[in-house]
PDB file of N, CA and C in Angstrom:
ATOM      1  N   MET A   1       1.076 -17.632 -11.636  1.00  0.00           N
ATOM      2  CA  MET A   1       0.732 -17.489 -10.242  1.00  0.00           C
ATOM      3  C   MET A   1      -0.627 -18.164 -10.018  1.00  0.00           C
ATOM      4  N   THR A   2      -0.699 -19.044  -9.051  1.00  0.00           N
ATOM      5  CA  THR A   2      -1.946 -19.754  -8.773  1.00  0.00           C
ATOM      6  C   THR A   2      -2.833 -18.927  -7.863  1.00  0.00           C
ATOM      7  N   SER A   3      -4.059 -19.424  -7.632  1.00  0.00           N
ATOM      8  CA  SER A   3      -4.963 -18.714  -6.718  1.00  0.00           C
ATOM      9  C   SER A   3      -4.452 -18.797  -5.286  1.00  0.00           C
ATOM     10  N   GLN A   4      -3.514 -19.716  -5.034  1.00  0.00           N
ATOM     11  CA  GLN A   4      -2.936 -19.863  -3.700  1.00  0.00           C
ATOM     12  C   GLN A   4      -1.782 -18.887  -3.474  1.00  0.00           C
ATOM     13  N   ALA A   5      -1.391 -18.182  -4.505  1.00  0.00           N
ATOM     14  CA  ALA A   5      -0.283 -17.239  -4.396  1.00  0.00           C
ATOM     15  C   ALA A   5      -0.691 -15.916  -5.031  1.00  0.00           C
ATOM     16  N   ARG A   6      -0.415 -14.844  -4.307  1.00  0.00           N
ATOM     17  CA  ARG A   6      -0.721 -13.502  -4.823  1.00  0.00           C
ATOM     18  C   ARG A   6       0.418 -12.568  -4.461  1.00  0.00           C
ATOM     19  N   ARG A   7       0.480 -11.484  -5.168  1.00  0.00           N
ATOM     20  CA  ARG A   7       1.451 -10.447  -4.804  1.00  0.00           C
ATOM     21  C   ARG A   7       1.020  -9.821  -3.480  1.00  0.00           C
ATOM     22  N   LEU A   8       1.986  -9.358  -2.716  1.00  0.00           N
ATOM     23  CA  LEU A   8       1.702  -8.745  -1.419  1.00  0.00           C
ATOM     24  C   LEU A   8       0.656  -7.648  -1.556  1.00  0.00           C
ATOM     25  N   SER A   9       0.775  -6.825  -2.584  1.00  0.00           N
ATOM     26  CA  SER A   9      -0.162  -5.711  -2.769  1.00  0.00           C
ATOM     27  C   SER A   9      -1.587  -6.192  -3.006  1.00  0.00           C
ATOM     28  N   GLN A  10      -1.752  -7.417  -3.514  1.00  0.00           N
ATOM     29  CA  GLN A  10      -3.101  -7.945  -3.724  1.00  0.00           C
ATOM     30  C   GLN A  10      -3.754  -8.343  -2.400  1.00  0.00           C
ATOM     31  N   TRP A  11      -2.961  -8.704  -1.411  1.00  0.00           N
ATOM     32  CA  TRP A  11      -3.503  -9.015  -0.082  1.00  0.00           C
ATOM     33  C   TRP A  11      -3.927  -7.723   0.615  1.00  0.00           C
ATOM     34  N   LEU A  12      -3.298  -6.616   0.240  1.00  0.00           N
ATOM     35  CA  LEU A  12      -3.562  -5.311   0.860  1.00  0.00           C
ATOM     36  C   LEU A  12      -4.272  -4.428  -0.161  1.00  0.00           C
ATOM     37  N   SER A  13      -5.498  -4.773  -0.485  1.00  0.00           N
ATOM     38  CA  SER A  13      -6.155  -4.146  -1.632  1.00  0.00           C
ATOM     39  C   SER A  13      -6.931  -2.866  -1.325  1.00  0.00           C
ATOM     40  N   GLN A  14      -7.085  -2.500  -0.073  1.00  0.00           N
ATOM     41  CA  GLN A  14      -7.845  -1.289   0.255  1.00  0.00           C
ATOM     42  C   GLN A  14      -7.046  -0.039  -0.110  1.00  0.00           C
ATOM     43  N   PRO A  15      -7.688   0.942  -0.747  1.00  0.00           N
ATOM     44  CA  PRO A  15      -6.978   2.196  -1.029  1.00  0.00           C
ATOM     45  C   PRO A  15      -6.632   2.915   0.272  1.00  0.00           C
ATOM     46  N   MET A  16      -5.571   3.696   0.225  1.00  0.00           N
ATOM     47  CA  MET A  16      -5.082   4.405   1.408  1.00  0.00           C
ATOM     48  C   MET A  16      -5.377   5.896   1.281  1.00  0.00           C
ATOM     49  N   PRO A  17      -5.790   6.542   2.392  1.00  0.00           N
ATOM     50  CA  PRO A  17      -6.050   7.988   2.340  1.00  0.00           C
ATOM     51  C   PRO A  17      -4.767   8.780   2.073  1.00  0.00           C
ATOM     52  N   LEU A  18      -4.923   9.872   1.363  1.00  0.00           N
ATOM     53  CA  LEU A  18      -3.792  10.688   0.934  1.00  0.00           C
ATOM     54  C   LEU A  18      -2.896  11.112   2.098  1.00  0.00           C
ATOM     55  N   GLN A  19      -3.479  11.554   3.203  1.00  0.00           N
ATOM     56  CA  GLN A  19      -2.662  12.029   4.318  1.00  0.00           C
ATOM     57  C   GLN A  19      -1.780  10.915   4.889  1.00  0.00           C
ATOM     58  N   LYS A  20      -2.319   9.705   4.963  1.00  0.00           N
ATOM     59  CA  LYS A  20      -1.536   8.573   5.466  1.00  0.00           C
ATOM     60  C   LYS A  20      -0.378   8.263   4.512  1.00  0.00           C
ATOM     61  N   VAL A  21      -0.664   8.305   3.220  1.00  0.00           N
ATOM     62  CA  VAL A  21       0.370   8.051   2.217  1.00  0.00           C
ATOM     63  C   VAL A  21       1.454   9.122   2.307  1.00  0.00           C
ATOM     64  N   ALA A  22       1.044  10.369   2.468  1.00  0.00           N
ATOM     65  CA  ALA A  22       2.009  11.467   2.579  1.00  0.00           C
ATOM     66  C   ALA A  22       2.959  11.226   3.745  1.00  0.00           C
ATOM     67  N   VAL A  23       2.423  10.835   4.896  1.00  0.00           N
ATOM     68  CA  VAL A  23       3.263  10.567   6.070  1.00  0.00           C
ATOM     69  C   VAL A  23       4.236   9.426   5.774  1.00  0.00           C
ATOM     70  N   LEU A  24       3.743   8.351   5.151  1.00  0.00           N
ATOM     71  CA  LEU A  24       4.609   7.217   4.810  1.00  0.00           C
ATOM     72  C   LEU A  24       5.749   7.633   3.885  1.00  0.00           C
ATOM     73  N   LEU A  25       5.464   8.592   3.002  1.00  0.00           N
ATOM     74  CA  LEU A  25       6.472   9.054   2.049  1.00  0.00           C
ATOM     75  C   LEU A  25       7.328  10.191   2.606  1.00  0.00           C
ATOM     76  N   GLY A  26       7.096  10.561   3.866  1.00  0.00           N
ATOM     77  CA  GLY A  26       7.888  11.610   4.495  1.00  0.00           C
ATOM     78  C   GLY A  26       7.532  13.010   4.034  1.00  0.00           C
ATOM     79  N   LEU A  27       6.286  13.197   3.617  1.00  0.00           N
ATOM     80  CA  LEU A  27       5.833  14.505   3.138  1.00  0.00           C
ATOM     81  C   LEU A  27       4.939  15.168   4.173  1.00  0.00           C
ATOM     82  N   ASP A  28       4.807  16.466   4.081  1.00  0.00           N
ATOM     83  CA  ASP A  28       3.902  17.213   4.950  1.00  0.00           C
ATOM     84  C   ASP A  28       2.472  16.903   4.521  1.00  0.00           C
ATOM     85  N   ALA A  29       1.729  16.219   5.377  1.00  0.00           N
ATOM     86  CA  ALA A  29       0.364  15.793   5.042  1.00  0.00           C
ATOM     87  C   ALA A  29      -0.537  16.971   4.695  1.00  0.00           C
ATOM     88  N   SER A  30      -0.289  18.132   5.309  1.00  0.00           N
ATOM     89  CA  SER A  30      -1.144  19.291   5.042  1.00  0.00           C
ATOM     90  C   SER A  30      -0.923  19.862   3.637  1.00  0.00           C
ATOM     91  N   LYS A  31       0.185  19.510   3.003  1.00  0.00           N
ATOM     92  CA  LYS A  31       0.471  20.012   1.652  1.00  0.00           C
ATOM     93  C   LYS A  31       0.217  18.961   0.571  1.00  0.00           C
ATOM     94  N   ALA A  32      -0.222  17.770   0.977  1.00  0.00           N
ATOM     95  CA  ALA A  32      -0.379  16.659   0.036  1.00  0.00           C
ATOM     96  C   ALA A  32      -1.375  16.967  -1.076  1.00  0.00           C
ATOM     97  N   SER A  33      -2.526  17.527  -0.734  1.00  0.00           N
ATOM     98  CA  SER A  33      -3.539  17.826  -1.756  1.00  0.00           C
ATOM     99  C   SER A  33      -3.004  18.795  -2.799  1.00  0.00           C
ATOM    100  N   GLY A  34      -2.264  19.778  -2.353  1.00  0.00           N
ATOM    101  CA  GLY A  34      -1.667  20.738  -3.282  1.00  0.00           C
ATOM    102  C   GLY A  34      -0.677  20.071  -4.226  1.00  0.00           C
ATOM    103  N   LEU A  35       0.101  19.126  -3.701  1.00  0.00           N
ATOM    104  CA  LEU A  35       1.045  18.393  -4.547  1.00  0.00           C
ATOM    105  C   LEU A  35       0.306  17.569  -5.602  1.00  0.00           C
ATOM    106  N   VAL A  36      -0.815  16.966  -5.205  1.00  0.00           N
ATOM    107  CA  VAL A  36      -1.614  16.185  -6.160  1.00  0.00           C
ATOM    108  C   VAL A  36      -2.139  17.101  -7.256  1.00  0.00           C
ATOM    109  N   ARG A  37      -2.729  18.233  -6.867  1.00  0.00           N
ATOM    110  CA  ARG A  37      -3.290  19.163  -7.859  1.00  0.00           C
ATOM    111  C   ARG A  37      -2.216  19.693  -8.809  1.00  0.00           C
ATOM    112  N   ALA A  38      -0.993  19.852  -8.282  1.00  0.00           N
ATOM    113  CA  ALA A  38       0.104  20.349  -9.117  1.00  0.00           C
ATOM    114  C   ALA A  38       0.750  19.230  -9.938  1.00  0.00           C
ATOM    115  N   GLY A  39       0.292  17.989  -9.748  1.00  0.00           N
ATOM    116  CA  GLY A  39       0.868  16.855 -10.464  1.00  0.00           C
ATOM    117  C   GLY A  39       2.241  16.465  -9.963  1.00  0.00           C
ATOM    118  N   ARG A  40       2.548  16.802  -8.691  1.00  0.00           N
ATOM    119  CA  ARG A  40       3.883  16.565  -8.144  1.00  0.00           C
ATOM    120  C   ARG A  40       3.905  15.542  -7.010  1.00  0.00           C
ATOM    121  N   PHE A  41       2.775  14.879  -6.741  1.00  0.00           N
ATOM    122  CA  PHE A  41       2.774  13.856  -5.694  1.00  0.00           C
ATOM    123  C   PHE A  41       3.555  12.652  -6.224  1.00  0.00           C
ATOM    124  N   PRO A  42       4.392  12.019  -5.388  1.00  0.00           N
ATOM    125  CA  PRO A  42       5.298  10.979  -5.888  1.00  0.00           C
ATOM    126  C   PRO A  42       4.674   9.646  -6.299  1.00  0.00           C
ATOM    127  N   CYS A  43       3.372   9.478  -6.129  1.00  0.00           N
ATOM    128  CA  CYS A  43       2.749   8.250  -6.636  1.00  0.00           C
ATOM    129  C   CYS A  43       1.380   8.593  -7.210  1.00  0.00           C
ATOM    130  N   ARG A  44       0.838   7.649  -7.954  1.00  0.00           N
ATOM    131  CA  ARG A  44      -0.464   7.861  -8.583  1.00  0.00           C
ATOM    132  C   ARG A  44      -1.542   7.964  -7.511  1.00  0.00           C
ATOM    133  N   VAL A  45      -2.443   8.917  -7.683  1.00  0.00           N
ATOM    134  CA  VAL A  45      -3.526   9.168  -6.729  1.00  0.00           C
ATOM    135  C   VAL A  45      -4.822   9.257  -7.526  1.00  0.00           C
ATOM    136  N   THR A  46      -5.902   8.788  -6.936  1.00  0.00           N
ATOM    137  CA  THR A  46      -7.202   8.852  -7.590  1.00  0.00           C
ATOM    138  C   THR A  46      -8.232   9.339  -6.582  1.00  0.00           C
ATOM    139  N   LYS A  47      -9.361   9.809  -7.067  1.00  0.00           N
ATOM    140  CA  LYS A  47     -10.432  10.218  -6.157  1.00  0.00           C
ATOM    141  C   LYS A  47     -11.411   9.068  -5.991  1.00  0.00           C
ATOM    142  N   VAL A  48     -11.718   8.748  -4.737  1.00  0.00           N
ATOM    143  CA  VAL A  48     -12.706   7.732  -4.402  1.00  0.00           C
ATOM    144  C   VAL A  48     -13.721   8.412  -3.498  1.00  0.00           C
ATOM    145  N   ARG A  49     -14.967   8.495  -3.960  1.00  0.00           N
ATOM    146  CA  ARG A  49     -16.035   9.178  -3.215  1.00  0.00           C
ATOM    147  C   ARG A  49     -15.615  10.587  -2.777  1.00  0.00           C
ATOM    148  N   GLY A  50     -14.948  11.289  -3.679  1.00  0.00           N
ATOM    149  CA  GLY A  50     -14.581  12.674  -3.429  1.00  0.00           C
ATOM    150  C   GLY A  50     -13.321  12.884  -2.606  1.00  0.00           C
ATOM    151  N   LYS A  51     -12.642  11.796  -2.213  1.00  0.00           N
ATOM    152  CA  LYS A  51     -11.412  11.928  -1.414  1.00  0.00           C
ATOM    153  C   LYS A  51     -10.241  11.341  -2.185  1.00  0.00           C
ATOM    154  N   TYR A  52      -9.078  11.998  -2.050  1.00  0.00           N
ATOM    155  CA  TYR A  52      -7.876  11.484  -2.695  1.00  0.00           C
ATOM    156  C   TYR A  52      -7.421  10.214  -1.988  1.00  0.00           C
ATOM    157  N   MET A  53      -7.145   9.175  -2.798  1.00  0.00           N
ATOM    158  CA  MET A  53      -6.685   7.895  -2.276  1.00  0.00           C
ATOM    159  C   MET A  53      -5.571   7.379  -3.181  1.00  0.00           C
ATOM    160  N   ALA A  54      -4.735   6.509  -2.616  1.00  0.00           N
ATOM    161  CA  ALA A  54      -3.689   5.849  -3.400  1.00  0.00           C
ATOM    162  C   ALA A  54      -3.784   4.350  -3.148  1.00  0.00           C
ATOM    163  N   PHE A  55      -3.451   3.580  -4.152  1.00  0.00           N
ATOM    164  CA  PHE A  55      -3.501   2.132  -4.013  1.00  0.00           C
ATOM    165  C   PHE A  55      -2.133   1.595  -3.604  1.00  0.00           C
ATOM    166  N   VAL A  56      -2.157   0.522  -2.846  1.00  0.00           N
ATOM    167  CA  VAL A  56      -0.947  -0.041  -2.249  1.00  0.00           C
ATOM    168  C   VAL A  56       0.177  -0.270  -3.264  1.00  0.00           C
ATOM    169  N   PRO A  57      -0.072  -0.859  -4.438  1.00  0.00           N
ATOM    170  CA  PRO A  57       1.051  -1.072  -5.364  1.00  0.00           C
ATOM    171  C   PRO A  57       1.763   0.225  -5.747  1.00  0.00           C
ATOM    172  N   ASP A  58       1.001   1.301  -5.917  1.00  0.00           N
ATOM    173  CA  ASP A  58       1.599   2.591  -6.280  1.00  0.00           C
ATOM    174  C   ASP A  58       2.422   3.162  -5.126  1.00  0.00           C
ATOM    175  N   VAL A  59       1.914   3.011  -3.898  1.00  0.00           N
ATOM    176  CA  VAL A  59       2.643   3.500  -2.720  1.00  0.00           C
ATOM    177  C   VAL A  59       3.924   2.689  -2.546  1.00  0.00           C
ATOM    178  N   MET A  60       3.810   1.374  -2.685  1.00  0.00           N
ATOM    179  CA  MET A  60       4.994   0.517  -2.547  1.00  0.00           C
ATOM    180  C   MET A  60       6.057   0.887  -3.573  1.00  0.00           C
ATOM    181  N   GLU A  61       5.637   1.133  -4.801  1.00  0.00           N
ATOM    182  CA  GLU A  61       6.595   1.515  -5.845  1.00  0.00           C
ATOM    183  C   GLU A  61       7.273   2.839  -5.501  1.00  0.00           C
ATOM    184  N   ALA A  62       6.496   3.814  -5.036  1.00  0.00           N
ATOM    185  CA  ALA A  62       7.061   5.118  -4.669  1.00  0.00           C
ATOM    186  C   ALA A  62       8.046   4.998  -3.513  1.00  0.00           C
ATOM    187  N   MET A  63       7.821   4.013  -2.637  1.00  0.00           N
ATOM    188  CA  MET A  63       8.700   3.806  -1.486  1.00  0.00           C
ATOM    189  C   MET A  63       9.877   2.888  -1.810  1.00  0.00           C
ATOM    190  N   GLY A  64       9.898   2.344  -3.030  1.00  0.00           N
ATOM    191  CA  GLY A  64      10.979   1.442  -3.413  1.00  0.00           C
ATOM    192  C   GLY A  64      10.859   0.065  -2.785  1.00  0.00           C
ATOM    193  N   ILE A  65       9.633  -0.334  -2.428  1.00  0.00           N
ATOM    194  CA  ILE A  65       9.399  -1.639  -1.807  1.00  0.00           C
ATOM    195  C   ILE A  65       9.003  -2.632  -2.889  1.00  0.00           C
ATOM    196  N   GLU A  66       9.666  -3.784  -2.897  1.00  0.00           N
ATOM    197  CA  GLU A  66       9.321  -4.828  -3.865  1.00  0.00           C
ATOM    198  C   GLU A  66       7.939  -5.377  -3.560  1.00  0.00           C
ATOM    199  N   ASP A  67       7.320  -5.973  -4.561  1.00  0.00           N
ATOM    200  CA  ASP A  67       5.977  -6.548  -4.428  1.00  0.00           C
ATOM    201  C   ASP A  67       6.081  -8.067  -4.612  1.00  0.00           C
ATOM    202  N   PRO A  68       6.556  -8.784  -3.578  1.00  0.00           N
ATOM    203  CA  PRO A  68       6.821 -10.217  -3.730  1.00  0.00           C
ATOM    204  C   PRO A  68       5.548 -11.051  -3.786  1.00  0.00           C
ATOM    205  N   VAL A  69       5.708 -12.270  -4.281  1.00  0.00           N
ATOM    206  CA  VAL A  69       4.615 -13.235  -4.279  1.00  0.00           C
ATOM    207  C   VAL A  69       4.523 -13.830  -2.875  1.00  0.00           C
ATOM    208  N   VAL A  70       3.309 -13.875  -2.335  1.00  0.00           N
ATOM    209  CA  VAL A  70       3.065 -14.443  -1.004  1.00  0.00           C
ATOM    210  C   VAL A  70       2.107 -15.612  -1.186  1.00  0.00           C
ATOM    211  N   ARG A  71       2.478 -16.759  -0.639  1.00  0.00           N
ATOM    212  CA  ARG A  71       1.640 -17.955  -0.760  1.00  0.00           C
ATOM    213  C   ARG A  71       0.798 -18.138   0.490  1.00  0.00           C
ATOM    214  N   THR A  72      -0.419 -18.635   0.296  1.00  0.00           N
ATOM    215  CA  THR A  72      -1.339 -18.808   1.433  1.00  0.00           C
ATOM    216  C   THR A  72      -0.740 -19.713   2.491  1.00  0.00           C
ATOM    217  N   GLY A  73      -0.062 -20.759   2.077  1.00  0.00           N
ATOM    218  CA  GLY A  73       0.569 -21.667   3.039  1.00  0.00           C
ATOM    219  C   GLY A  73       1.581 -20.945   3.914  1.00  0.00           C
ATOM    220  N   ASP A  74       2.335 -20.023   3.322  1.00  0.00           N
ATOM    221  CA  ASP A  74       3.307 -19.245   4.097  1.00  0.00           C
ATOM    222  C   ASP A  74       2.604 -18.383   5.140  1.00  0.00           C
ATOM    223  N   LEU A  75       1.457 -17.813   4.774  1.00  0.00           N
ATOM    224  CA  LEU A  75       0.696 -17.002   5.727  1.00  0.00           C
ATOM    225  C   LEU A  75       0.214 -17.851   6.896  1.00  0.00           C
ATOM    226  N   ARG A  76      -0.305 -19.051   6.580  1.00  0.00           N
ATOM    227  CA  ARG A  76      -0.785 -19.946   7.646  1.00  0.00           C
ATOM    228  C   ARG A  76       0.350 -20.364   8.568  1.00  0.00           C
ATOM    229  N   GLU A  77       1.477 -20.746   7.976  1.00  0.00           N
ATOM    230  CA  GLU A  77       2.625 -21.159   8.788  1.00  0.00           C
ATOM    231  C   GLU A  77       3.122 -20.007   9.653  1.00  0.00           C
ATOM    232  N   GLY A  78       3.142 -18.812   9.109  1.00  0.00           N
ATOM    233  CA  GLY A  78       3.559 -17.647   9.891  1.00  0.00           C
ATOM    234  C   GLY A  78       2.619 -17.374  11.051  1.00  0.00           C
ATOM    235  N   ALA A  79       1.314 -17.531  10.811  1.00  0.00           N
ATOM    236  CA  ALA A  79       0.326 -17.325  11.880  1.00  0.00           C
ATOM    237  C   ALA A  79       0.497 -18.372  12.971  1.00  0.00           C
ATOM    238  N   GLU A  80       0.739 -19.620  12.589  1.00  0.00           N
ATOM    239  CA  GLU A  80       0.956 -20.682  13.580  1.00  0.00           C
ATOM    240  C   GLU A  80       2.214 -20.409  14.393  1.00  0.00           C
ATOM    241  N   PHE A  81       3.264 -19.969  13.736  1.00  0.00           N
ATOM    242  CA  PHE A  81       4.507 -19.635  14.430  1.00  0.00           C
ATOM    243  C   PHE A  81       4.269 -18.513  15.439  1.00  0.00           C
ATOM    244  N   ALA A  82       3.530 -17.493  15.012  1.00  0.00           N
ATOM    245  CA  ALA A  82       3.244 -16.360  15.903  1.00  0.00           C
ATOM    246  C   ALA A  82       2.434 -16.804  17.117  1.00  0.00           C
ATOM    247  N   LYS A  83       1.489 -17.726  16.919  1.00  0.00           N
ATOM    248  CA  LYS A  83       0.695 -18.233  18.054  1.00  0.00           C
ATOM    249  C   LYS A  83       1.579 -18.950  19.059  1.00  0.00           C
ATOM    250  N   ARG A  84       2.500 -19.772  18.548  1.00  0.00           N
ATOM    251  CA  ARG A  84       3.374 -20.543  19.444  1.00  0.00           C
ATOM    252  C   ARG A  84       4.353 -19.654  20.191  1.00  0.00           C
ATOM    253  N   TRP A  85       4.897 -18.661  19.509  1.00  0.00           N
ATOM    254  CA  TRP A  85       5.990 -17.885  20.092  1.00  0.00           C
ATOM    255  C   TRP A  85       5.616 -16.452  20.455  1.00  0.00           C
ATOM    256  N   GLY A  86       4.400 -16.041  20.109  1.00  0.00           N
ATOM    257  CA  GLY A  86       3.992 -14.654  20.343  1.00  0.00           C
ATOM    258  C   GLY A  86       3.590 -14.427  21.701  1.00  0.00           C
TER     259      GLY A  86
END
């Protein structure tokens, strides 16, 4: 993979807050912390500055979403298409 191509999850590198991940996974956000403490949350979770967070690749895997390679040229072409037709 060249520097011009990265996995989708690498473009989305910011960790996600636990409650948002819980909603995406169809879980009760108010019970998410308890699931993490019990070791039963469906994806890997880590603490960042004292808050539970999950990284995009782990969330994508838990949701059954593939992590395809995305090329910079494809992103540019998609943006140009959106400008013309959006």
